[in-house]
Structures are given as C-alpha cells and as structure tokens.
Amino acid sequence: MAKQTATEKSRATKKPASSARPKKQPAISMPLQKENYLYIGIGVVVIIISYILMAMDSSVDGFISLTLCPILLIGSYLWIVYALVFHPTNEKKPSDAAPAN
C-alpha cells in the first residue's frame, strides 16, 4: 500500500461540499434611486446647453460667455454633486397622516 501524504489525509477527512450549509448572500440594492438619475440627467443637459451657448457666442467678451455660462456650469456641477448625495425617502411620517377623529 502506498503512503498518503499529509494533504491527501486532510482531503480524505474533510466533509463533502454538499453537506456544508450554503451561505446566504445579502440583498444587493442600488446605491442611487430613480430620482438621483433624473437629477444627474438634468445637470448633464444643462452643462451641454451651457457649453453650446458658450460656443455660439460670437464675442469673447460677451455677457453669455463671461457671465451666464460660467454660472450655469458651476450650478450644474453643484446640482450633480447634490444628486449623488441625495437620498429620497418614500416612507410617510406618522405626523403626516391625518388624525382619525
């Protein structure tokens, strides 16, 4: 009879995988809700419009390219940051319910 090595002995003493209990996987939820994606989309659209307006302005020193578009761009980027950290709640508070009289 051939000698068994230490690894073969440990394999022989292990229980088969079918008798082991399967681990329950935690439910995976999306980090952002539908409202978050809507807000991000609105911010992206305003950014695109702002860059188009800046390109269409014929003068470099015009009101649109120097004042309006930078304000829109900064506001849009801040809006997108807000959309990323916003957590909508769908639960109603007990104080929102009408009193039962």
PDB file of N, CA and C in Angstrom:
ATOM      1  N   MET A   1       0.818  -1.164   0.000  1.00  0.00           N
ATOM      2  CA  MET A   1       0.000   0.000   0.000  1.00  0.00           C
ATOM      3  C   MET A   1       0.875   1.245   0.000  1.00  0.00           C
ATOM      4  N   ALA A   2       0.484   2.253  -0.762  1.00  0.00           N
ATOM      5  CA  ALA A   2       1.264   3.487  -0.868  1.00  0.00           C
ATOM      6  C   ALA A   2       0.990   4.386   0.316  1.00  0.00           C
ATOM      7  N   LYS A   3       1.991   5.144   0.687  1.00  0.00           N
ATOM      8  CA  LYS A   3       1.828   6.076   1.794  1.00  0.00           C
ATOM      9  C   LYS A   3       1.027   7.292   1.330  1.00  0.00           C
ATOM     10  N   GLN A   4       0.167   7.794   2.234  1.00  0.00           N
ATOM     11  CA  GLN A   4      -0.586   9.006   1.932  1.00  0.00           C
ATOM     12  C   GLN A   4       0.167  10.200   2.497  1.00  0.00           C
ATOM     13  N   THR A   5       0.176  11.259   1.706  1.00  0.00           N
ATOM     14  CA  THR A   5       0.822  12.471   2.192  1.00  0.00           C
ATOM     15  C   THR A   5      -0.140  13.204   3.124  1.00  0.00           C
ATOM     16  N   ALA A   6       0.356  14.238   3.774  1.00  0.00           N
ATOM     17  CA  ALA A   6      -0.448  14.986   4.749  1.00  0.00           C
ATOM     18  C   ALA A   6      -1.637  15.669   4.063  1.00  0.00           C
ATOM     19  N   THR A   7      -1.430  16.173   2.855  1.00  0.00           N
ATOM     20  CA  THR A   7      -2.534  16.847   2.164  1.00  0.00           C
ATOM     21  C   THR A   7      -3.600  15.852   1.730  1.00  0.00           C
ATOM     22  N   GLU A   8      -3.204  14.667   1.337  1.00  0.00           N
ATOM     23  CA  GLU A   8      -4.182  13.656   0.952  1.00  0.00           C
ATOM     24  C   GLU A   8      -4.996  13.211   2.157  1.00  0.00           C
ATOM     25  N   LYS A   9      -4.341  13.120   3.329  1.00  0.00           N
ATOM     26  CA  LYS A   9      -5.058  12.743   4.538  1.00  0.00           C
ATOM     27  C   LYS A   9      -6.073  13.803   4.923  1.00  0.00           C
ATOM     28  N   SER A  10      -5.682  15.088   4.794  1.00  0.00           N
ATOM     29  CA  SER A  10      -6.609  16.162   5.161  1.00  0.00           C
ATOM     30  C   SER A  10      -7.781  16.225   4.186  1.00  0.00           C
ATOM     31  N   ARG A  11      -7.529  15.931   2.925  1.00  0.00           N
ATOM     32  CA  ARG A  11      -8.617  15.901   1.942  1.00  0.00           C
ATOM     33  C   ARG A  11      -9.580  14.765   2.235  1.00  0.00           C
ATOM     34  N   ALA A  12      -9.054  13.637   2.672  1.00  0.00           N
ATOM     35  CA  ALA A  12      -9.886  12.473   2.948  1.00  0.00           C
ATOM     36  C   ALA A  12     -10.761  12.697   4.173  1.00  0.00           C
ATOM     37  N   THR A  13     -10.313  13.511   5.127  1.00  0.00           N
ATOM     38  CA  THR A  13     -11.088  13.719   6.343  1.00  0.00           C
ATOM     39  C   THR A  13     -12.100  14.853   6.223  1.00  0.00           C
ATOM     40  N   LYS A  14     -11.985  15.675   5.180  1.00  0.00           N
ATOM     41  CA  LYS A  14     -12.934  16.778   5.012  1.00  0.00           C
ATOM     42  C   LYS A  14     -14.285  16.247   4.574  1.00  0.00           C
ATOM     43  N   LYS A  15     -15.345  16.971   5.011  1.00  0.00           N
ATOM     44  CA  LYS A  15     -16.693  16.603   4.607  1.00  0.00           C
ATOM     45  C   LYS A  15     -16.930  17.045   3.169  1.00  0.00           C
ATOM     46  N   PRO A  16     -17.771  16.337   2.468  1.00  0.00           N
ATOM     47  CA  PRO A  16     -18.073  16.759   1.103  1.00  0.00           C
ATOM     48  C   PRO A  16     -18.764  18.124   1.107  1.00  0.00           C
ATOM     49  N   ALA A  17     -18.617  18.845   0.014  1.00  0.00           N
ATOM     50  CA  ALA A  17     -19.161  20.205  -0.094  1.00  0.00           C
ATOM     51  C   ALA A  17     -20.680  20.216  -0.062  1.00  0.00           C
ATOM     52  N   SER A  18     -21.321  19.116  -0.444  1.00  0.00           N
ATOM     53  CA  SER A  18     -22.784  19.096  -0.489  1.00  0.00           C
ATOM     54  C   SER A  18     -23.405  19.132   0.903  1.00  0.00           C
ATOM     55  N   SER A  19     -22.671  18.673   1.924  1.00  0.00           N
ATOM     56  CA  SER A  19     -23.234  18.680   3.263  1.00  0.00           C
ATOM     57  C   SER A  19     -23.045  20.030   3.958  1.00  0.00           C
ATOM     58  N   ALA A  20     -22.214  20.885   3.413  1.00  0.00           N
ATOM     59  CA  ALA A  20     -21.993  22.203   4.017  1.00  0.00           C
ATOM     60  C   ALA A  20     -23.199  23.095   3.745  1.00  0.00           C
ATOM     61  N   ARG A  21     -23.520  23.930   4.710  1.00  0.00           N
ATOM     62  CA  ARG A  21     -24.653  24.839   4.540  1.00  0.00           C
ATOM     63  C   ARG A  21     -24.265  25.980   3.597  1.00  0.00           C
ATOM     64  N   PRO A  22     -25.122  26.289   2.648  1.00  0.00           N
ATOM     65  CA  PRO A  22     -24.809  27.420   1.758  1.00  0.00           C
ATOM     66  C   PRO A  22     -24.995  28.730   2.511  1.00  0.00           C
ATOM     67  N   LYS A  23     -24.084  29.660   2.286  1.00  0.00           N
ATOM     68  CA  LYS A  23     -24.170  30.959   2.938  1.00  0.00           C
ATOM     69  C   LYS A  23     -25.201  31.810   2.210  1.00  0.00           C
ATOM     70  N   LYS A  24     -25.998  32.521   2.993  1.00  0.00           N
ATOM     71  CA  LYS A  24     -26.982  33.410   2.387  1.00  0.00           C
ATOM     72  C   LYS A  24     -26.287  34.683   1.948  1.00  0.00           C
ATOM     73  N   GLN A  25     -26.518  35.056   0.704  1.00  0.00           N
ATOM     74  CA  GLN A  25     -25.953  36.277   0.161  1.00  0.00           C
ATOM     75  C   GLN A  25     -26.825  37.457   0.569  1.00  0.00           C
ATOM     76  N   PRO A  26     -26.225  38.555   1.012  1.00  0.00           N
ATOM     77  CA  PRO A  26     -27.038  39.725   1.359  1.00  0.00           C
ATOM     78  C   PRO A  26     -27.660  40.319   0.104  1.00  0.00           C
ATOM     79  N   ALA A  27     -28.834  40.891   0.276  1.00  0.00           N
ATOM     80  CA  ALA A  27     -29.516  41.506  -0.861  1.00  0.00           C
ATOM     81  C   ALA A  27     -28.733  42.731  -1.310  1.00  0.00           C
ATOM     82  N   ILE A  28     -28.499  42.821  -2.598  1.00  0.00           N
ATOM     83  CA  ILE A  28     -27.762  43.946  -3.159  1.00  0.00           C
ATOM     84  C   ILE A  28     -28.766  44.981  -3.628  1.00  0.00           C
ATOM     85  N   SER A  29     -28.615  46.186  -3.139  1.00  0.00           N
ATOM     86  CA  SER A  29     -29.517  47.247  -3.558  1.00  0.00           C
ATOM     87  C   SER A  29     -28.726  48.295  -4.327  1.00  0.00           C
ATOM     88  N   MET A  30     -29.410  48.990  -5.187  1.00  0.00           N
ATOM     89  CA  MET A  30     -28.775  50.029  -5.979  1.00  0.00           C
ATOM     90  C   MET A  30     -28.450  51.220  -5.079  1.00  0.00           C
ATOM     91  N   PRO A  31     -27.283  51.803  -5.244  1.00  0.00           N
ATOM     92  CA  PRO A  31     -26.924  52.930  -4.381  1.00  0.00           C
ATOM     93  C   PRO A  31     -27.702  54.204  -4.699  1.00  0.00           C
ATOM     94  N   LEU A  32     -28.172  54.346  -5.931  1.00  0.00           N
ATOM     95  CA  LEU A  32     -28.922  55.535  -6.331  1.00  0.00           C
ATOM     96  C   LEU A  32     -30.335  55.145  -6.738  1.00  0.00           C
ATOM     97  N   GLN A  33     -31.261  56.032  -6.487  1.00  0.00           N
ATOM     98  CA  GLN A  33     -32.663  55.801  -6.836  1.00  0.00           C
ATOM     99  C   GLN A  33     -32.967  56.440  -8.190  1.00  0.00           C
ATOM    100  N   LYS A  34     -34.200  56.278  -8.638  1.00  0.00           N
ATOM    101  CA  LYS A  34     -34.636  56.833  -9.916  1.00  0.00           C
ATOM    102  C   LYS A  34     -34.527  58.356  -9.923  1.00  0.00           C
ATOM    103  N   GLU A  35     -34.856  58.978  -8.793  1.00  0.00           N
ATOM    104  CA  GLU A  35     -34.787  60.435  -8.697  1.00  0.00           C
ATOM    105  C   GLU A  35     -33.352  60.931  -8.850  1.00  0.00           C
ATOM    106  N   ASN A  36     -32.394  60.177  -8.304  1.00  0.00           N
ATOM    107  CA  ASN A  36     -30.993  60.567  -8.414  1.00  0.00           C
ATOM    108  C   ASN A  36     -30.556  60.612  -9.879  1.00  0.00           C
ATOM    109  N   TYR A  37     -30.920  59.585 -10.644  1.00  0.00           N
ATOM    110  CA  TYR A  37     -30.541  59.546 -12.043  1.00  0.00           C
ATOM    111  C   TYR A  37     -31.235  60.652 -12.835  1.00  0.00           C
ATOM    112  N   LEU A  38     -32.457  60.991 -12.473  1.00  0.00           N
ATOM    113  CA  LEU A  38     -33.166  62.086 -13.120  1.00  0.00           C
ATOM    114  C   LEU A  38     -32.447  63.404 -12.860  1.00  0.00           C
ATOM    115  N   TYR A  39     -32.045  63.650 -11.623  1.00  0.00           N
ATOM    116  CA  TYR A  39     -31.329  64.878 -11.274  1.00  0.00           C
ATOM    117  C   TYR A  39     -29.975  64.948 -11.971  1.00  0.00           C
ATOM    118  N   ILE A  40     -29.275  63.835 -12.057  1.00  0.00           N
ATOM    119  CA  ILE A  40     -27.989  63.812 -12.753  1.00  0.00           C
ATOM    120  C   ILE A  40     -28.199  64.119 -14.236  1.00  0.00           C
ATOM    121  N   GLY A  41     -29.235  63.553 -14.821  1.00  0.00           N
ATOM    122  CA  GLY A  41     -29.542  63.823 -16.230  1.00  0.00           C
ATOM    123  C   GLY A  41     -29.847  65.288 -16.482  1.00  0.00           C
ATOM    124  N   ILE A  42     -30.599  65.914 -15.583  1.00  0.00           N
ATOM    125  CA  ILE A  42     -30.908  67.339 -15.724  1.00  0.00           C
ATOM    126  C   ILE A  42     -29.612  68.156 -15.663  1.00  0.00           C
ATOM    127  N   GLY A  43     -28.726  67.825 -14.748  1.00  0.00           N
ATOM    128  CA  GLY A  43     -27.456  68.533 -14.639  1.00  0.00           C
ATOM    129  C   GLY A  43     -26.607  68.383 -15.891  1.00  0.00           C
ATOM    130  N   VAL A  44     -26.555  67.192 -16.458  1.00  0.00           N
ATOM    131  CA  VAL A  44     -25.765  66.956 -17.668  1.00  0.00           C
ATOM    132  C   VAL A  44     -26.346  67.736 -18.845  1.00  0.00           C
ATOM    133  N   VAL A  45     -27.663  67.770 -18.962  1.00  0.00           N
ATOM    134  CA  VAL A  45     -28.302  68.511 -20.054  1.00  0.00           C
ATOM    135  C   VAL A  45     -27.985  70.004 -19.946  1.00  0.00           C
ATOM    136  N   VAL A  46     -28.057  70.554 -18.736  1.00  0.00           N
ATOM    137  CA  VAL A  46     -27.746  71.986 -18.555  1.00  0.00           C
ATOM    138  C   VAL A  46     -26.280  72.260 -18.859  1.00  0.00           C
ATOM    139  N   ILE A  47     -25.382  71.345 -18.524  1.00  0.00           N
ATOM    140  CA  ILE A  47     -23.964  71.521 -18.850  1.00  0.00           C
ATOM    141  C   ILE A  47     -23.766  71.546 -20.360  1.00  0.00           C
ATOM    142  N   ILE A  48     -24.408  70.625 -21.058  1.00  0.00           N
ATOM    143  CA  ILE A  48     -24.283  70.584 -22.521  1.00  0.00           C
ATOM    144  C   ILE A  48     -24.833  71.860 -23.135  1.00  0.00           C
ATOM    145  N   ILE A  49     -25.988  72.319 -22.677  1.00  0.00           N
ATOM    146  CA  ILE A  49     -26.578  73.559 -23.196  1.00  0.00           C
ATOM    147  C   ILE A  49     -25.656  74.741 -22.921  1.00  0.00           C
ATOM    148  N   SER A  50     -25.050  74.772 -21.754  1.00  0.00           N
ATOM    149  CA  SER A  50     -24.159  75.868 -21.402  1.00  0.00           C
ATOM    150  C   SER A  50     -22.935  75.912 -22.317  1.00  0.00           C
ATOM    151  N   TYR A  51     -22.340  74.766 -22.593  1.00  0.00           N
ATOM    152  CA  TYR A  51     -21.191  74.743 -23.494  1.00  0.00           C
ATOM    153  C   TYR A  51     -21.602  75.123 -24.920  1.00  0.00           C
ATOM    154  N   ILE A  52     -22.775  74.712 -25.354  1.00  0.00           N
ATOM    155  CA  ILE A  52     -23.253  75.090 -26.688  1.00  0.00           C
ATOM    156  C   ILE A  52     -23.466  76.594 -26.760  1.00  0.00           C
ATOM    157  N   LEU A  53     -24.076  77.188 -25.732  1.00  0.00           N
ATOM    158  CA  LEU A  53     -24.267  78.638 -25.707  1.00  0.00           C
ATOM    159  C   LEU A  53     -22.927  79.376 -25.718  1.00  0.00           C
ATOM    160  N   MET A  54     -21.952  78.852 -24.993  1.00  0.00           N
ATOM    161  CA  MET A  54     -20.652  79.488 -24.958  1.00  0.00           C
ATOM    162  C   MET A  54     -19.991  79.440 -26.335  1.00  0.00           C
ATOM    163  N   ALA A  55     -20.156  78.343 -27.056  1.00  0.00           N
ATOM    164  CA  ALA A  55     -19.559  78.215 -28.384  1.00  0.00           C
ATOM    165  C   ALA A  55     -20.281  79.087 -29.404  1.00  0.00           C
ATOM    166  N   MET A  56     -21.581  79.309 -29.211  1.00  0.00           N
ATOM    167  CA  MET A  56     -22.357  80.098 -30.172  1.00  0.00           C
ATOM    168  C   MET A  56     -22.156  81.601 -29.992  1.00  0.00           C
ATOM    169  N   ASP A  57     -21.694  82.023 -28.813  1.00  0.00           N
ATOM    170  CA  ASP A  57     -21.480  83.447 -28.576  1.00  0.00           C
ATOM    171  C   ASP A  57     -20.344  83.926 -29.468  1.00  0.00           C
ATOM    172  N   SER A  58     -20.618  84.952 -30.267  1.00  0.00           N
ATOM    173  CA  SER A  58     -19.634  85.408 -31.249  1.00  0.00           C
ATOM    174  C   SER A  58     -18.513  86.238 -30.632  1.00  0.00           C
ATOM    175  N   SER A  59     -18.793  86.931 -29.546  1.00  0.00           N
ATOM    176  CA  SER A  59     -17.739  87.748 -28.940  1.00  0.00           C
ATOM    177  C   SER A  59     -17.186  87.069 -27.692  1.00  0.00           C
ATOM    178  N   VAL A  60     -15.893  87.222 -27.497  1.00  0.00           N
ATOM    179  CA  VAL A  60     -15.254  86.618 -26.346  1.00  0.00           C
ATOM    180  C   VAL A  60     -15.633  87.361 -25.067  1.00  0.00           C
ATOM    181  N   ASP A  61     -15.864  88.652 -25.188  1.00  0.00           N
ATOM    182  CA  ASP A  61     -16.179  89.476 -24.030  1.00  0.00           C
ATOM    183  C   ASP A  61     -17.677  89.646 -23.826  1.00  0.00           C
ATOM    184  N   GLY A  62     -18.496  88.776 -24.373  1.00  0.00           N
ATOM    185  CA  GLY A  62     -19.941  88.918 -24.269  1.00  0.00           C
ATOM    186  C   GLY A  62     -20.478  88.481 -22.913  1.00  0.00           C
ATOM    187  N   PHE A  63     -21.715  88.873 -22.635  1.00  0.00           N
ATOM    188  CA  PHE A  63     -22.373  88.535 -21.381  1.00  0.00           C
ATOM    189  C   PHE A  63     -22.557  87.024 -21.234  1.00  0.00           C
ATOM    190  N   ILE A  64     -22.902  86.378 -22.321  1.00  0.00           N
ATOM    191  CA  ILE A  64     -23.195  84.941 -22.257  1.00  0.00           C
ATOM    192  C   ILE A  64     -21.936  84.145 -21.922  1.00  0.00           C
ATOM    193  N   SER A  65     -20.834  84.412 -22.636  1.00  0.00           N
ATOM    194  CA  SER A  65     -19.627  83.604 -22.434  1.00  0.00           C
ATOM    195  C   SER A  65     -18.869  83.962 -21.160  1.00  0.00           C
ATOM    196  N   LEU A  66     -19.009  85.191 -20.666  1.00  0.00           N
ATOM    197  CA  LEU A  66     -18.271  85.589 -19.469  1.00  0.00           C
ATOM    198  C   LEU A  66     -19.065  85.455 -18.181  1.00  0.00           C
ATOM    199  N   THR A  67     -20.378  85.560 -18.255  1.00  0.00           N
ATOM    200  CA  THR A  67     -21.172  85.589 -17.029  1.00  0.00           C
ATOM    201  C   THR A  67     -22.172  84.446 -16.943  1.00  0.00           C
ATOM    202  N   LEU A  68     -23.029  84.334 -17.938  1.00  0.00           N
ATOM    203  CA  LEU A  68     -24.132  83.369 -17.866  1.00  0.00           C
ATOM    204  C   LEU A  68     -23.644  81.920 -17.867  1.00  0.00           C
ATOM    205  N   CYS A  69     -22.808  81.565 -18.818  1.00  0.00           N
ATOM    206  CA  CYS A  69     -22.365  80.165 -18.933  1.00  0.00           C
ATOM    207  C   CYS A  69     -21.531  79.693 -17.740  1.00  0.00           C
ATOM    208  N   PRO A  70     -20.599  80.480 -17.217  1.00  0.00           N
ATOM    209  CA  PRO A  70     -19.888  80.007 -16.021  1.00  0.00           C
ATOM    210  C   PRO A  70     -20.803  79.798 -14.819  1.00  0.00           C
ATOM    211  N   ILE A  71     -21.790  80.670 -14.657  1.00  0.00           N
ATOM    212  CA  ILE A  71     -22.738  80.488 -13.554  1.00  0.00           C
ATOM    213  C   ILE A  71     -23.545  79.206 -13.756  1.00  0.00           C
ATOM    214  N   LEU A  72     -24.000  78.974 -14.989  1.00  0.00           N
ATOM    215  CA  LEU A  72     -24.745  77.738 -15.280  1.00  0.00           C
ATOM    216  C   LEU A  72     -23.878  76.499 -15.064  1.00  0.00           C
ATOM    217  N   LEU A  73     -22.624  76.569 -15.470  1.00  0.00           N
ATOM    218  CA  LEU A  73     -21.735  75.411 -15.310  1.00  0.00           C
ATOM    219  C   LEU A  73     -21.473  75.100 -13.843  1.00  0.00           C
ATOM    220  N   ILE A  74     -21.155  76.117 -13.059  1.00  0.00           N
ATOM    221  CA  ILE A  74     -20.900  75.880 -11.635  1.00  0.00           C
ATOM    222  C   ILE A  74     -22.159  75.359 -10.955  1.00  0.00           C
ATOM    223  N   GLY A  75     -23.300  75.952 -11.286  1.00  0.00           N
ATOM    224  CA  GLY A  75     -24.560  75.482 -10.712  1.00  0.00           C
ATOM    225  C   GLY A  75     -24.879  74.056 -11.107  1.00  0.00           C
ATOM    226  N   SER A  76     -24.594  73.700 -12.340  1.00  0.00           N
ATOM    227  CA  SER A  76     -24.883  72.338 -12.813  1.00  0.00           C
ATOM    228  C   SER A  76     -23.992  71.310 -12.136  1.00  0.00           C
ATOM    229  N   TYR A  77     -22.721  71.641 -11.992  1.00  0.00           N
ATOM    230  CA  TYR A  77     -21.820  70.711 -11.306  1.00  0.00           C
ATOM    231  C   TYR A  77     -22.218  70.539  -9.843  1.00  0.00           C
ATOM    232  N   LEU A  78     -22.608  71.616  -9.187  1.00  0.00           N
ATOM    233  CA  LEU A  78     -23.090  71.507  -7.811  1.00  0.00           C
ATOM    234  C   LEU A  78     -24.382  70.698  -7.746  1.00  0.00           C
ATOM    235  N   TRP A  79     -25.251  70.859  -8.741  1.00  0.00           N
ATOM    236  CA  TRP A  79     -26.504  70.105  -8.813  1.00  0.00           C
ATOM    237  C   TRP A  79     -26.215  68.609  -8.925  1.00  0.00           C
ATOM    238  N   ILE A  80     -25.223  68.243  -9.719  1.00  0.00           N
ATOM    239  CA  ILE A  80     -24.874  66.826  -9.876  1.00  0.00           C
ATOM    240  C   ILE A  80     -24.306  66.263  -8.573  1.00  0.00           C
ATOM    241  N   VAL A  81     -23.498  67.040  -7.872  1.00  0.00           N
ATOM    242  CA  VAL A  81     -22.984  66.589  -6.576  1.00  0.00           C
ATOM    243  C   VAL A  81     -24.142  66.385  -5.608  1.00  0.00           C
ATOM    244  N   TYR A  82     -25.098  67.314  -5.604  1.00  0.00           N
ATOM    245  CA  TYR A  82     -26.283  67.161  -4.762  1.00  0.00           C
ATOM    246  C   TYR A  82     -27.055  65.896  -5.148  1.00  0.00           C
ATOM    247  N   ALA A  83     -27.189  65.633  -6.448  1.00  0.00           N
ATOM    248  CA  ALA A  83     -27.918  64.451  -6.903  1.00  0.00           C
ATOM    249  C   ALA A  83     -27.239  63.163  -6.455  1.00  0.00           C
ATOM    250  N   LEU A  84     -25.933  63.181  -6.324  1.00  0.00           N
ATOM    251  CA  LEU A  84     -25.215  61.983  -5.898  1.00  0.00           C
ATOM    252  C   LEU A  84     -25.369  61.707  -4.404  1.00  0.00           C
ATOM    253  N   VAL A  85     -25.536  62.728  -3.602  1.00  0.00           N
ATOM    254  CA  VAL A  85     -25.646  62.521  -2.158  1.00  0.00           C
ATOM    255  C   VAL A  85     -27.088  62.551  -1.661  1.00  0.00           C
ATOM    256  N   PHE A  86     -28.039  62.865  -2.533  1.00  0.00           N
ATOM    257  CA  PHE A  86     -29.447  62.942  -2.158  1.00  0.00           C
ATOM    258  C   PHE A  86     -30.005  61.540  -1.956  1.00  0.00           C
ATOM    259  N   HIS A  87     -30.700  61.315  -0.827  1.00  0.00           N
ATOM    260  CA  HIS A  87     -31.337  60.033  -0.544  1.00  0.00           C
ATOM    261  C   HIS A  87     -32.841  60.258  -0.406  1.00  0.00           C
ATOM    262  N   PRO A  88     -33.599  59.928  -1.445  1.00  0.00           N
ATOM    263  CA  PRO A  88     -35.050  60.124  -1.342  1.00  0.00           C
ATOM    264  C   PRO A  88     -35.671  59.129  -0.374  1.00  0.00           C
ATOM    265  N   THR A  89     -36.659  59.584   0.363  1.00  0.00           N
ATOM    266  CA  THR A  89     -37.372  58.695   1.276  1.00  0.00           C
ATOM    267  C   THR A  89     -38.813  58.600   0.821  1.00  0.00           C
ATOM    268  N   ASN A  90     -39.296  57.384   0.743  1.00  0.00           N
ATOM    269  CA  ASN A  90     -40.663  57.142   0.313  1.00  0.00           C
ATOM    270  C   ASN A  90     -41.585  56.856   1.488  1.00  0.00           C
ATOM    271  N   GLU A  91     -41.024  56.799   2.676  1.00  0.00           N
ATOM    272  CA  GLU A  91     -41.825  56.479   3.851  1.00  0.00           C
ATOM    273  C   GLU A  91     -42.560  57.725   4.337  1.00  0.00           C
ATOM    274  N   LYS A  92     -43.808  57.534   4.752  1.00  0.00           N
ATOM    275  CA  LYS A  92     -44.563  58.647   5.300  1.00  0.00           C
ATOM    276  C   LYS A  92     -44.336  58.709   6.798  1.00  0.00           C
ATOM    277  N   LYS A  93     -44.201  59.912   7.286  1.00  0.00           N
ATOM    278  CA  LYS A  93     -44.026  60.121   8.705  1.00  0.00           C
ATOM    279  C   LYS A  93     -45.373  60.002   9.397  1.00  0.00           C
ATOM    280  N   PRO A  94     -45.400  59.559  10.652  1.00  0.00           N
ATOM    281  CA  PRO A  94     -46.675  59.468  11.364  1.00  0.00           C
ATOM    282  C   PRO A  94     -47.340  60.832  11.523  1.00  0.00           C
ATOM    283  N   SER A  95     -46.569  61.907  11.592  1.00  0.00           N
ATOM    284  CA  SER A  95     -47.155  63.229  11.736  1.00  0.00           C
ATOM    285  C   SER A  95     -47.821  63.698  10.445  1.00  0.00           C
ATOM    286  N   ASP A  96     -47.477  63.090   9.299  1.00  0.00           N
ATOM    287  CA  ASP A  96     -48.082  63.468   8.016  1.00  0.00           C
ATOM    288  C   ASP A  96     -49.483  62.881   7.875  1.00  0.00           C
ATOM    289  N   ALA A  97     -49.778  61.838   8.601  1.00  0.00           N
ATOM    290  CA  ALA A  97     -51.082  61.185   8.469  1.00  0.00           C
ATOM    291  C   ALA A  97     -52.167  62.066   9.080  1.00  0.00           C
ATOM    292  N   ALA A  98     -53.338  61.982   8.497  1.00  0.00           N
ATOM    293  CA  ALA A  98     -54.464  62.777   9.005  1.00  0.00           C
ATOM    294  C   ALA A  98     -54.955  62.179  10.322  1.00  0.00           C
ATOM    295  N   PRO A  99     -55.338  63.028  11.270  1.00  0.00           N
ATOM    296  CA  PRO A  99     -55.833  62.497  12.550  1.00  0.00           C
ATOM    297  C   PRO A  99     -57.170  61.790  12.360  1.00  0.00           C
ATOM    298  N   ALA A 100     -57.339  60.694  13.051  1.00  0.00           N
ATOM    299  CA  ALA A 100     -58.584  59.917  12.939  1.00  0.00           C
ATOM    300  C   ALA A 100     -59.542  60.388  14.009  1.00  0.00           C
ATOM    301  N   ASN A 101     -60.468  61.254  13.655  1.00  0.00           N
ATOM    302  CA  ASN A 101     -61.485  61.755  14.595  1.00  0.00           C
ATOM    303  C   ASN A 101     -62.850  61.320  14.158  1.00  0.00           C
TER     304      ASN A 101
END
